[in-house]
N, C-alpha and C. Protein backbone atom coordinates (compact mmCIF):
# COMPACT_ATOMS: atom_id res chain seq x y z
N MET A 1 0.84 -1.17 0.00
CA MET A 1 0.00 0.00 0.00
C MET A 1 0.89 1.24 0.00
N VAL A 2 0.62 2.13 -0.92
CA VAL A 2 1.37 3.39 -1.00
C VAL A 2 0.37 4.53 -0.91
N LEU A 3 0.65 5.46 -0.01
CA LEU A 3 -0.20 6.64 0.13
C LEU A 3 0.22 7.67 -0.90
N ASP A 4 -0.75 8.33 -1.51
CA ASP A 4 -0.40 9.41 -2.43
C ASP A 4 -0.89 10.74 -1.85
N GLU A 5 -0.53 11.83 -2.50
CA GLU A 5 -0.85 13.15 -1.97
C GLU A 5 -2.35 13.40 -1.92
N LYS A 6 -3.11 12.80 -2.85
CA LYS A 6 -4.58 12.97 -2.81
C LYS A 6 -5.15 12.29 -1.57
N ASP A 7 -4.66 11.08 -1.23
CA ASP A 7 -5.10 10.41 0.00
C ASP A 7 -4.91 11.32 1.21
N ILE A 8 -3.74 11.91 1.30
CA ILE A 8 -3.39 12.74 2.46
C ILE A 8 -4.19 14.04 2.44
N THR A 9 -4.37 14.64 1.26
CA THR A 9 -5.17 15.86 1.16
C THR A 9 -6.58 15.61 1.69
N ASP A 10 -7.21 14.52 1.22
CA ASP A 10 -8.58 14.20 1.65
C ASP A 10 -8.64 13.92 3.15
N ALA A 11 -7.68 13.16 3.67
CA ALA A 11 -7.68 12.81 5.09
C ALA A 11 -7.49 14.05 5.97
N LEU A 12 -6.60 14.93 5.57
CA LEU A 12 -6.37 16.15 6.36
C LEU A 12 -7.54 17.12 6.26
N ARG A 13 -8.17 17.17 5.09
CA ARG A 13 -9.32 18.05 4.92
C ARG A 13 -10.47 17.65 5.84
N ASP A 14 -10.66 16.34 6.02
CA ASP A 14 -11.77 15.83 6.83
C ASP A 14 -11.40 15.63 8.29
N SER A 15 -10.18 15.98 8.67
CA SER A 15 -9.75 15.83 10.07
C SER A 15 -10.20 17.02 10.89
N PRO A 16 -10.49 16.80 12.17
CA PRO A 16 -10.91 17.92 13.02
C PRO A 16 -9.77 18.90 13.25
N THR A 17 -10.12 20.08 13.70
CA THR A 17 -9.11 21.11 13.94
C THR A 17 -8.77 21.26 15.41
N ASN A 18 -9.74 21.04 16.27
CA ASN A 18 -9.57 21.39 17.67
C ASN A 18 -9.53 20.19 18.61
N THR A 19 -8.96 19.08 18.19
CA THR A 19 -8.88 17.92 19.07
C THR A 19 -7.50 17.83 19.72
N ALA A 20 -7.47 17.17 20.86
CA ALA A 20 -6.20 16.97 21.55
C ALA A 20 -5.37 15.94 20.78
N TYR A 21 -4.06 16.06 20.88
CA TYR A 21 -3.19 15.12 20.20
C TYR A 21 -2.69 14.08 21.19
N GLY A 22 -2.16 13.00 20.65
CA GLY A 22 -1.68 11.90 21.47
C GLY A 22 -0.21 12.03 21.79
N ASN A 23 0.46 10.88 21.91
CA ASN A 23 1.85 10.88 22.36
C ASN A 23 2.84 11.37 21.30
N ASP A 24 2.39 11.66 20.09
CA ASP A 24 3.31 12.23 19.10
C ASP A 24 3.40 13.75 19.22
N ASN A 25 2.52 14.37 20.03
CA ASN A 25 2.49 15.82 20.25
C ASN A 25 2.40 16.61 18.95
N ILE A 26 1.67 16.06 17.98
CA ILE A 26 1.48 16.73 16.69
C ILE A 26 0.00 17.06 16.55
N SER A 27 -0.31 18.27 16.16
CA SER A 27 -1.70 18.68 15.97
C SER A 27 -2.07 18.60 14.49
N TYR A 28 -3.38 18.55 14.23
CA TYR A 28 -3.84 18.59 12.84
C TYR A 28 -3.44 19.88 12.14
N PRO A 29 -3.56 21.04 12.79
CA PRO A 29 -3.10 22.26 12.10
C PRO A 29 -1.62 22.19 11.70
N PHE A 30 -0.78 21.58 12.55
CA PHE A 30 0.63 21.44 12.19
C PHE A 30 0.79 20.53 10.97
N LEU A 31 0.07 19.40 10.95
CA LEU A 31 0.16 18.50 9.78
C LEU A 31 -0.31 19.19 8.51
N ARG A 32 -1.37 19.99 8.62
CA ARG A 32 -1.85 20.74 7.44
C ARG A 32 -0.79 21.73 6.96
N PHE A 33 -0.16 22.42 7.92
CA PHE A 33 0.91 23.37 7.58
C PHE A 33 2.07 22.65 6.91
N TRP A 34 2.49 21.52 7.48
CA TRP A 34 3.59 20.73 6.93
C TRP A 34 3.25 20.27 5.51
N PHE A 35 2.03 19.75 5.33
CA PHE A 35 1.64 19.24 4.02
C PHE A 35 1.54 20.36 3.00
N LYS A 36 1.05 21.52 3.41
CA LYS A 36 0.93 22.65 2.49
C LYS A 36 2.31 23.10 2.01
N ASN A 37 3.29 23.09 2.91
CA ASN A 37 4.62 23.58 2.57
C ASN A 37 5.56 22.51 2.02
N GLN A 38 5.38 21.28 2.41
CA GLN A 38 6.24 20.19 1.95
C GLN A 38 5.42 18.92 1.74
N PRO A 39 4.53 18.91 0.75
CA PRO A 39 3.65 17.74 0.56
C PRO A 39 4.42 16.46 0.29
N GLY A 40 5.47 16.54 -0.50
CA GLY A 40 6.27 15.35 -0.80
C GLY A 40 6.96 14.79 0.43
N HIS A 41 7.42 15.66 1.31
CA HIS A 41 8.13 15.23 2.51
C HIS A 41 7.18 14.50 3.47
N LEU A 42 5.99 15.04 3.71
CA LEU A 42 5.03 14.38 4.59
C LEU A 42 4.57 13.06 3.97
N THR A 43 4.33 13.05 2.67
CA THR A 43 3.91 11.82 1.99
C THR A 43 4.96 10.74 2.15
N LYS A 44 6.24 11.08 1.94
CA LYS A 44 7.33 10.11 2.10
C LYS A 44 7.42 9.63 3.55
N THR A 45 7.27 10.54 4.50
CA THR A 45 7.35 10.18 5.92
C THR A 45 6.25 9.18 6.28
N LEU A 46 5.01 9.45 5.85
CA LEU A 46 3.91 8.54 6.15
C LEU A 46 4.11 7.18 5.49
N ASN A 47 4.57 7.16 4.26
CA ASN A 47 4.83 5.89 3.58
C ASN A 47 5.95 5.11 4.26
N ASP A 48 6.99 5.80 4.71
CA ASP A 48 8.07 5.13 5.45
C ASP A 48 7.55 4.53 6.75
N LEU A 49 6.70 5.27 7.45
CA LEU A 49 6.15 4.78 8.72
C LEU A 49 5.26 3.55 8.52
N ILE A 50 4.51 3.53 7.44
CA ILE A 50 3.65 2.37 7.16
C ILE A 50 4.50 1.13 6.87
N ARG A 51 5.54 1.30 6.08
CA ARG A 51 6.40 0.16 5.73
C ARG A 51 7.19 -0.38 6.90
N THR A 52 7.61 0.50 7.81
CA THR A 52 8.45 0.06 8.92
C THR A 52 7.64 -0.33 10.14
N ASP A 53 6.32 -0.27 10.04
CA ASP A 53 5.44 -0.66 11.16
C ASP A 53 5.78 0.11 12.42
N TYR A 54 5.65 1.41 12.35
CA TYR A 54 5.93 2.32 13.46
C TYR A 54 5.13 1.90 14.68
N GLY A 55 5.80 1.36 15.69
CA GLY A 55 5.15 0.77 16.86
C GLY A 55 4.37 1.73 17.73
N GLU A 56 4.69 3.00 17.70
CA GLU A 56 4.00 3.97 18.56
C GLU A 56 2.54 4.21 18.13
N TRP A 57 2.14 3.72 16.96
CA TRP A 57 0.75 3.89 16.53
C TRP A 57 -0.21 3.15 17.44
N ASN A 58 0.26 2.13 18.10
CA ASN A 58 -0.61 1.33 18.96
C ASN A 58 -0.64 1.85 20.39
N VAL A 59 0.00 2.96 20.67
CA VAL A 59 0.06 3.50 22.04
C VAL A 59 -0.91 4.67 22.18
N ALA A 60 -1.81 4.54 23.15
CA ALA A 60 -2.79 5.61 23.41
C ALA A 60 -2.52 6.21 24.78
N ASN A 61 -2.63 7.52 24.87
CA ASN A 61 -2.66 8.19 26.17
C ASN A 61 -4.12 8.27 26.56
N THR A 62 -4.46 7.69 27.69
CA THR A 62 -5.85 7.65 28.14
C THR A 62 -6.05 8.64 29.27
N VAL A 63 -7.01 9.54 29.08
CA VAL A 63 -7.30 10.59 30.05
C VAL A 63 -8.68 10.32 30.63
N LEU A 64 -8.80 10.43 31.95
CA LEU A 64 -10.09 10.26 32.60
C LEU A 64 -10.75 11.62 32.78
N ILE A 65 -12.01 11.73 32.36
CA ILE A 65 -12.76 12.96 32.49
C ILE A 65 -14.04 12.66 33.26
N ARG A 66 -14.34 13.50 34.25
CA ARG A 66 -15.55 13.31 35.05
C ARG A 66 -16.80 13.50 34.20
N LYS A 67 -17.78 12.62 34.41
CA LYS A 67 -19.09 12.81 33.79
C LYS A 67 -19.84 13.84 34.62
N ALA A 68 -20.42 14.81 33.96
CA ALA A 68 -21.01 15.96 34.66
C ALA A 68 -22.22 15.61 35.52
N ASP A 69 -22.97 14.60 35.15
CA ASP A 69 -24.22 14.33 35.85
C ASP A 69 -24.09 13.38 37.04
N LYS A 70 -22.88 13.09 37.48
CA LYS A 70 -22.67 12.14 38.58
C LYS A 70 -22.51 12.88 39.90
N GLN A 71 -23.12 12.32 40.95
CA GLN A 71 -23.01 12.93 42.28
C GLN A 71 -21.75 12.47 43.01
N ARG A 72 -21.31 11.24 42.72
CA ARG A 72 -20.12 10.70 43.39
C ARG A 72 -19.11 10.27 42.32
N TYR A 73 -17.86 10.42 42.65
CA TYR A 73 -16.80 10.07 41.69
C TYR A 73 -15.89 8.97 42.22
N ASP A 74 -16.44 8.10 43.08
CA ASP A 74 -15.66 6.97 43.57
C ASP A 74 -16.03 5.69 42.82
N SER A 75 -16.81 5.82 41.76
CA SER A 75 -17.20 4.68 40.92
C SER A 75 -16.60 4.85 39.53
N VAL A 76 -16.19 3.76 38.95
CA VAL A 76 -15.60 3.79 37.60
C VAL A 76 -16.57 4.37 36.58
N LYS A 77 -17.86 4.07 36.73
CA LYS A 77 -18.85 4.55 35.76
C LYS A 77 -19.09 6.05 35.83
N SER A 78 -18.46 6.72 36.78
CA SER A 78 -18.59 8.18 36.89
C SER A 78 -17.56 8.91 36.03
N TRP A 79 -16.73 8.15 35.34
CA TRP A 79 -15.65 8.73 34.55
C TRP A 79 -15.76 8.28 33.10
N ARG A 80 -15.35 9.15 32.21
CA ARG A 80 -15.27 8.82 30.78
C ARG A 80 -13.79 8.72 30.41
N MET A 81 -13.45 7.65 29.70
CA MET A 81 -12.06 7.47 29.26
C MET A 81 -11.94 7.98 27.82
N ILE A 82 -11.00 8.89 27.61
CA ILE A 82 -10.72 9.42 26.28
C ILE A 82 -9.34 8.90 25.87
N HIS A 83 -9.31 8.17 24.75
CA HIS A 83 -8.05 7.59 24.27
C HIS A 83 -7.47 8.52 23.21
N LEU A 84 -6.33 9.10 23.51
CA LEU A 84 -5.68 10.02 22.59
C LEU A 84 -4.59 9.28 21.82
N LEU A 85 -4.89 8.95 20.57
CA LEU A 85 -3.94 8.26 19.72
C LEU A 85 -3.06 9.28 19.00
N PRO A 86 -1.89 8.86 18.55
CA PRO A 86 -1.04 9.78 17.79
C PRO A 86 -1.79 10.33 16.57
N THR A 87 -1.68 11.62 16.34
CA THR A 87 -2.40 12.27 15.24
C THR A 87 -2.01 11.69 13.89
N ILE A 88 -0.74 11.42 13.70
CA ILE A 88 -0.29 10.84 12.42
C ILE A 88 -0.99 9.50 12.19
N SER A 89 -1.15 8.70 13.24
CA SER A 89 -1.80 7.40 13.07
C SER A 89 -3.28 7.57 12.71
N LYS A 90 -3.92 8.63 13.22
CA LYS A 90 -5.33 8.85 12.90
C LYS A 90 -5.49 9.25 11.43
N VAL A 91 -4.53 9.98 10.89
CA VAL A 91 -4.57 10.35 9.47
C VAL A 91 -4.44 9.09 8.61
N VAL A 92 -3.47 8.24 8.93
CA VAL A 92 -3.28 7.00 8.18
C VAL A 92 -4.50 6.10 8.35
N ASP A 93 -5.03 6.02 9.56
CA ASP A 93 -6.22 5.22 9.82
C ASP A 93 -7.38 5.67 8.94
N ARG A 94 -7.55 6.97 8.80
CA ARG A 94 -8.63 7.53 7.96
C ARG A 94 -8.42 7.11 6.49
N ILE A 95 -7.17 7.13 6.03
CA ILE A 95 -6.87 6.74 4.64
C ILE A 95 -7.17 5.26 4.44
N VAL A 96 -6.73 4.42 5.38
CA VAL A 96 -6.95 2.97 5.27
C VAL A 96 -8.45 2.67 5.27
N LEU A 97 -9.22 3.34 6.14
CA LEU A 97 -10.66 3.12 6.19
C LEU A 97 -11.30 3.46 4.85
N ARG A 98 -10.88 4.56 4.24
CA ARG A 98 -11.46 4.94 2.94
C ARG A 98 -11.11 3.92 1.86
N ARG A 99 -9.90 3.42 1.89
CA ARG A 99 -9.52 2.40 0.90
C ARG A 99 -10.33 1.13 1.10
N ARG A 100 -10.54 0.76 2.37
CA ARG A 100 -11.32 -0.44 2.66
C ARG A 100 -12.75 -0.25 2.17
N GLU A 101 -13.31 0.94 2.36
CA GLU A 101 -14.67 1.21 1.90
C GLU A 101 -14.78 1.05 0.39
N LYS A 102 -13.74 1.45 -0.34
CA LYS A 102 -13.76 1.33 -1.80
C LYS A 102 -13.69 -0.13 -2.24
N GLU A 103 -12.98 -0.94 -1.48
CA GLU A 103 -12.76 -2.34 -1.86
C GLU A 103 -13.92 -3.26 -1.47
N MET A 104 -14.69 -2.88 -0.47
CA MET A 104 -15.71 -3.78 0.05
C MET A 104 -17.09 -3.15 -0.06
N THR A 105 -18.09 -3.98 -0.30
CA THR A 105 -19.46 -3.53 -0.32
C THR A 105 -20.06 -3.80 1.06
N LEU A 106 -20.57 -2.76 1.70
CA LEU A 106 -21.19 -2.89 3.01
C LEU A 106 -22.69 -2.74 2.88
N SER A 107 -23.41 -3.38 3.77
CA SER A 107 -24.86 -3.32 3.78
C SER A 107 -25.33 -1.88 3.96
N GLY A 108 -26.44 -1.54 3.31
CA GLY A 108 -27.01 -0.20 3.45
C GLY A 108 -27.53 0.09 4.84
N THR A 109 -27.70 -0.95 5.66
CA THR A 109 -28.19 -0.75 7.02
C THR A 109 -27.07 -0.77 8.05
N GLN A 110 -25.82 -0.77 7.62
CA GLN A 110 -24.71 -0.70 8.57
C GLN A 110 -24.33 0.76 8.78
N TYR A 111 -24.31 1.17 10.04
CA TYR A 111 -24.03 2.56 10.36
C TYR A 111 -22.71 2.74 11.08
N GLY A 112 -22.26 1.75 11.82
CA GLY A 112 -21.02 1.88 12.57
C GLY A 112 -19.80 1.88 11.67
N SER A 113 -18.81 2.67 12.02
CA SER A 113 -17.52 2.74 11.31
C SER A 113 -17.67 3.13 9.85
N ARG A 114 -18.62 3.99 9.56
CA ARG A 114 -18.79 4.44 8.18
C ARG A 114 -18.83 5.96 8.15
N ARG A 115 -18.15 6.49 7.15
CA ARG A 115 -18.14 7.95 6.97
C ARG A 115 -19.54 8.45 6.60
N ARG A 116 -19.85 9.61 7.13
CA ARG A 116 -21.10 10.31 6.82
C ARG A 116 -22.34 9.47 7.12
N ARG A 117 -22.20 8.59 8.10
CA ARG A 117 -23.33 7.80 8.57
C ARG A 117 -23.29 7.81 10.08
N GLY A 118 -24.38 8.19 10.69
CA GLY A 118 -24.39 8.26 12.14
C GLY A 118 -25.72 7.80 12.70
N CYS A 119 -25.86 8.03 13.99
CA CYS A 119 -27.04 7.61 14.72
C CYS A 119 -28.30 8.25 14.15
N HIS A 120 -28.21 9.52 13.76
CA HIS A 120 -29.38 10.21 13.22
C HIS A 120 -29.89 9.55 11.93
N ASP A 121 -28.97 9.01 11.10
CA ASP A 121 -29.39 8.31 9.89
C ASP A 121 -30.14 7.03 10.23
N CYS A 122 -29.64 6.33 11.24
CA CYS A 122 -30.29 5.09 11.67
C CYS A 122 -31.68 5.38 12.23
N VAL A 123 -31.80 6.40 13.06
CA VAL A 123 -33.10 6.76 13.64
C VAL A 123 -34.08 7.15 12.54
N LYS A 124 -33.62 7.89 11.54
CA LYS A 124 -34.48 8.28 10.41
C LYS A 124 -34.98 7.04 9.67
N GLN A 125 -34.10 6.08 9.44
CA GLN A 125 -34.51 4.87 8.74
C GLN A 125 -35.54 4.10 9.57
N ILE A 126 -35.35 4.03 10.88
CA ILE A 126 -36.31 3.34 11.75
C ILE A 126 -37.65 4.08 11.74
N ALA A 127 -37.61 5.42 11.84
CA ALA A 127 -38.85 6.20 11.82
C ALA A 127 -39.62 5.99 10.51
N ASP A 128 -38.91 5.96 9.39
CA ASP A 128 -39.56 5.72 8.10
C ASP A 128 -40.18 4.33 8.06
N PHE A 129 -39.48 3.35 8.62
CA PHE A 129 -39.97 1.98 8.65
C PHE A 129 -41.25 1.89 9.48
N VAL A 130 -41.24 2.52 10.65
CA VAL A 130 -42.41 2.49 11.53
C VAL A 130 -43.59 3.23 10.87
N LYS A 131 -43.32 4.37 10.25
CA LYS A 131 -44.38 5.14 9.58
C LYS A 131 -44.99 4.33 8.44
N PHE A 132 -44.17 3.67 7.66
CA PHE A 132 -44.65 2.85 6.54
C PHE A 132 -45.46 1.66 7.06
N GLY A 133 -45.06 1.13 8.20
CA GLY A 133 -45.70 -0.07 8.74
C GLY A 133 -46.97 0.18 9.51
N ARG A 134 -47.48 1.40 9.55
CA ARG A 134 -48.69 1.70 10.33
C ARG A 134 -49.91 0.93 9.85
N VAL A 135 -49.96 0.62 8.57
CA VAL A 135 -51.11 -0.13 8.06
C VAL A 135 -50.97 -1.63 8.33
N ARG A 136 -49.80 -2.04 8.76
CA ARG A 136 -49.53 -3.45 9.08
C ARG A 136 -49.04 -3.53 10.51
N GLN A 137 -48.90 -4.75 10.98
CA GLN A 137 -48.25 -4.92 12.28
C GLN A 137 -46.75 -4.72 12.07
N THR A 138 -46.15 -3.98 12.96
CA THR A 138 -44.74 -3.65 12.82
C THR A 138 -43.98 -4.15 14.04
N ALA A 139 -42.85 -4.76 13.79
CA ALA A 139 -41.97 -5.20 14.88
C ALA A 139 -40.57 -4.70 14.57
N LEU A 140 -39.85 -4.42 15.61
CA LEU A 140 -38.49 -3.91 15.44
C LEU A 140 -37.59 -4.61 16.44
N MET A 141 -36.49 -5.12 15.96
CA MET A 141 -35.51 -5.74 16.83
C MET A 141 -34.17 -5.07 16.56
N THR A 142 -33.49 -4.64 17.61
CA THR A 142 -32.19 -4.01 17.45
C THR A 142 -31.16 -4.74 18.29
N MET A 143 -29.90 -4.52 17.95
CA MET A 143 -28.83 -5.15 18.69
C MET A 143 -27.65 -4.19 18.75
N ASP A 144 -27.07 -4.06 19.91
CA ASP A 144 -25.86 -3.29 20.10
C ASP A 144 -24.92 -4.15 20.91
N VAL A 145 -23.80 -4.51 20.34
CA VAL A 145 -22.85 -5.39 21.02
C VAL A 145 -21.91 -4.52 21.84
N GLU A 146 -22.04 -4.60 23.17
CA GLU A 146 -21.18 -3.81 24.05
C GLU A 146 -19.78 -4.37 24.01
N GLY A 147 -18.82 -3.49 23.75
CA GLY A 147 -17.42 -3.93 23.70
C GLY A 147 -17.12 -4.79 22.49
N GLY A 148 -17.89 -4.63 21.42
CA GLY A 148 -17.71 -5.45 20.23
C GLY A 148 -16.31 -5.35 19.65
N PHE A 149 -15.78 -4.13 19.56
CA PHE A 149 -14.45 -3.95 19.00
C PHE A 149 -13.39 -4.65 19.83
N ASN A 150 -13.55 -4.60 21.16
CA ASN A 150 -12.56 -5.22 22.05
C ASN A 150 -12.59 -6.74 22.00
N ASN A 151 -13.69 -7.31 21.55
CA ASN A 151 -13.84 -8.77 21.58
C ASN A 151 -13.79 -9.41 20.20
N ILE A 152 -13.35 -8.67 19.21
CA ILE A 152 -13.33 -9.20 17.85
C ILE A 152 -12.26 -10.29 17.70
N ASP A 153 -12.59 -11.32 16.95
CA ASP A 153 -11.65 -12.39 16.64
C ASP A 153 -10.84 -11.91 15.43
N THR A 154 -9.59 -11.48 15.66
CA THR A 154 -8.80 -10.88 14.58
C THR A 154 -8.48 -11.86 13.46
N ALA A 155 -8.31 -13.15 13.79
CA ALA A 155 -8.05 -14.15 12.74
C ALA A 155 -9.27 -14.28 11.83
N LEU A 156 -10.46 -14.28 12.44
CA LEU A 156 -11.69 -14.35 11.65
C LEU A 156 -11.85 -13.08 10.82
N LEU A 157 -11.54 -11.92 11.40
CA LEU A 157 -11.60 -10.67 10.65
C LEU A 157 -10.68 -10.73 9.43
N ALA A 158 -9.46 -11.23 9.61
CA ALA A 158 -8.52 -11.34 8.48
C ALA A 158 -9.09 -12.25 7.40
N ASP A 159 -9.67 -13.38 7.81
CA ASP A 159 -10.27 -14.30 6.84
C ASP A 159 -11.40 -13.64 6.05
N ILE A 160 -12.24 -12.87 6.75
CA ILE A 160 -13.36 -12.20 6.09
C ILE A 160 -12.84 -11.15 5.11
N LEU A 161 -11.84 -10.38 5.52
CA LEU A 161 -11.28 -9.36 4.63
C LEU A 161 -10.67 -9.99 3.37
N ILE A 162 -9.96 -11.09 3.55
CA ILE A 162 -9.37 -11.79 2.40
C ILE A 162 -10.47 -12.35 1.50
N TYR A 163 -11.51 -12.94 2.12
CA TYR A 163 -12.64 -13.47 1.35
C TYR A 163 -13.32 -12.37 0.55
N LYS A 164 -13.37 -11.16 1.11
CA LYS A 164 -13.99 -10.02 0.43
C LYS A 164 -13.03 -9.35 -0.56
N SER A 165 -11.88 -10.00 -0.84
CA SER A 165 -10.88 -9.54 -1.82
C SER A 165 -10.20 -8.25 -1.41
N CYS A 166 -10.01 -8.07 -0.12
CA CYS A 166 -9.29 -6.89 0.38
C CYS A 166 -7.79 -7.10 0.11
N ASP A 167 -7.10 -6.05 -0.28
CA ASP A 167 -5.67 -6.09 -0.55
C ASP A 167 -4.91 -6.71 0.63
N ARG A 168 -3.99 -7.64 0.36
CA ARG A 168 -3.28 -8.38 1.43
C ARG A 168 -2.45 -7.46 2.31
N PHE A 169 -1.81 -6.44 1.73
CA PHE A 169 -1.04 -5.52 2.56
C PHE A 169 -1.98 -4.77 3.51
N LEU A 170 -3.14 -4.40 3.01
CA LEU A 170 -4.13 -3.72 3.83
C LEU A 170 -4.60 -4.62 4.96
N VAL A 171 -4.84 -5.89 4.67
CA VAL A 171 -5.23 -6.85 5.71
C VAL A 171 -4.15 -6.95 6.77
N SER A 172 -2.90 -7.05 6.32
CA SER A 172 -1.78 -7.14 7.26
C SER A 172 -1.69 -5.89 8.12
N TRP A 173 -1.87 -4.72 7.52
CA TRP A 173 -1.81 -3.47 8.27
C TRP A 173 -2.94 -3.40 9.30
N ILE A 174 -4.15 -3.82 8.91
CA ILE A 174 -5.29 -3.81 9.83
C ILE A 174 -5.04 -4.77 11.00
N MET A 175 -4.44 -5.91 10.73
CA MET A 175 -4.14 -6.87 11.80
C MET A 175 -3.11 -6.28 12.78
N ARG A 176 -2.09 -5.61 12.26
CA ARG A 176 -1.11 -4.97 13.15
C ARG A 176 -1.77 -3.85 13.95
N TRP A 177 -2.70 -3.16 13.33
CA TRP A 177 -3.38 -2.03 13.97
C TRP A 177 -4.29 -2.51 15.11
N THR A 178 -4.94 -3.65 14.93
CA THR A 178 -5.92 -4.11 15.91
C THR A 178 -5.32 -4.98 17.02
N THR A 179 -4.06 -5.33 16.93
CA THR A 179 -3.44 -6.17 17.96
C THR A 179 -2.28 -5.42 18.61
N GLY A 180 -1.90 -5.86 19.78
CA GLY A 180 -0.75 -5.27 20.46
C GLY A 180 -0.96 -3.85 20.93
N ARG A 181 -2.20 -3.48 21.25
CA ARG A 181 -2.48 -2.12 21.70
C ARG A 181 -1.89 -1.90 23.09
N LYS A 182 -1.41 -0.69 23.33
CA LYS A 182 -0.86 -0.31 24.63
C LYS A 182 -1.43 1.05 25.00
N MET A 183 -1.44 1.32 26.31
CA MET A 183 -1.92 2.63 26.72
C MET A 183 -1.28 3.05 28.03
N SER A 184 -1.22 4.34 28.20
CA SER A 184 -0.85 4.90 29.50
C SER A 184 -2.07 5.62 30.03
N LEU A 185 -2.16 5.76 31.32
CA LEU A 185 -3.31 6.39 31.96
C LEU A 185 -2.88 7.68 32.62
N LYS A 186 -3.58 8.76 32.31
CA LYS A 186 -3.29 10.06 32.90
C LYS A 186 -4.42 10.44 33.83
N PHE A 187 -4.08 10.69 35.11
CA PHE A 187 -5.09 11.00 36.11
C PHE A 187 -4.46 11.84 37.21
N ASN A 188 -5.16 12.91 37.62
CA ASN A 188 -4.67 13.82 38.67
C ASN A 188 -3.26 14.33 38.39
N GLY A 189 -2.99 14.65 37.12
CA GLY A 189 -1.70 15.22 36.76
C GLY A 189 -0.55 14.23 36.68
N ARG A 190 -0.83 12.96 36.85
CA ARG A 190 0.22 11.94 36.77
C ARG A 190 -0.07 10.98 35.62
N THR A 191 0.99 10.49 34.99
CA THR A 191 0.87 9.58 33.86
C THR A 191 1.55 8.26 34.19
N SER A 192 0.84 7.17 33.95
CA SER A 192 1.40 5.84 34.21
C SER A 192 2.37 5.44 33.12
N ARG A 193 3.11 4.39 33.36
CA ARG A 193 3.96 3.83 32.30
C ARG A 193 3.10 3.09 31.29
N VAL A 194 3.62 2.93 30.07
CA VAL A 194 2.91 2.21 29.01
C VAL A 194 2.98 0.73 29.31
């Protein structure tokens, strides 16, 4: 897999501006500035990092943030965990996701992990279904797998991607991305070891 300048242009254009950065201490505005002034240099850097399997992509800085509506903060459920991944890895991740979308056909009713598809689209589809079904008996069954991403069988995922004719390098990159994750925890001004 080789990234080209159009891949990077599209990924940076669709990246947020005001998000916190991870352990690479690089912001999206900096990457945009770098790409604007030296597009070839950033493109080469990202391609080199993909080929050498830059290990820091799997390291997240995890920050705990209090949930506003909780009366007590001695329970784990009173905190939200925000995982700050390296910004460069999020740009590459966005490019890989777009390539995967081009290679594979996904169901029209799949909303998770898809660009320009969110909860509001799903609710609209359900509302239309219920409205259409008023003249008939209507039933609705939904499913949300809690912790689905954390419990995925990566070998099965690789088999499915290969079966769907996904590029082998892309499959290999996705497998490296989904395994061997590490994190540090930041709380009360202190950061744990990775």
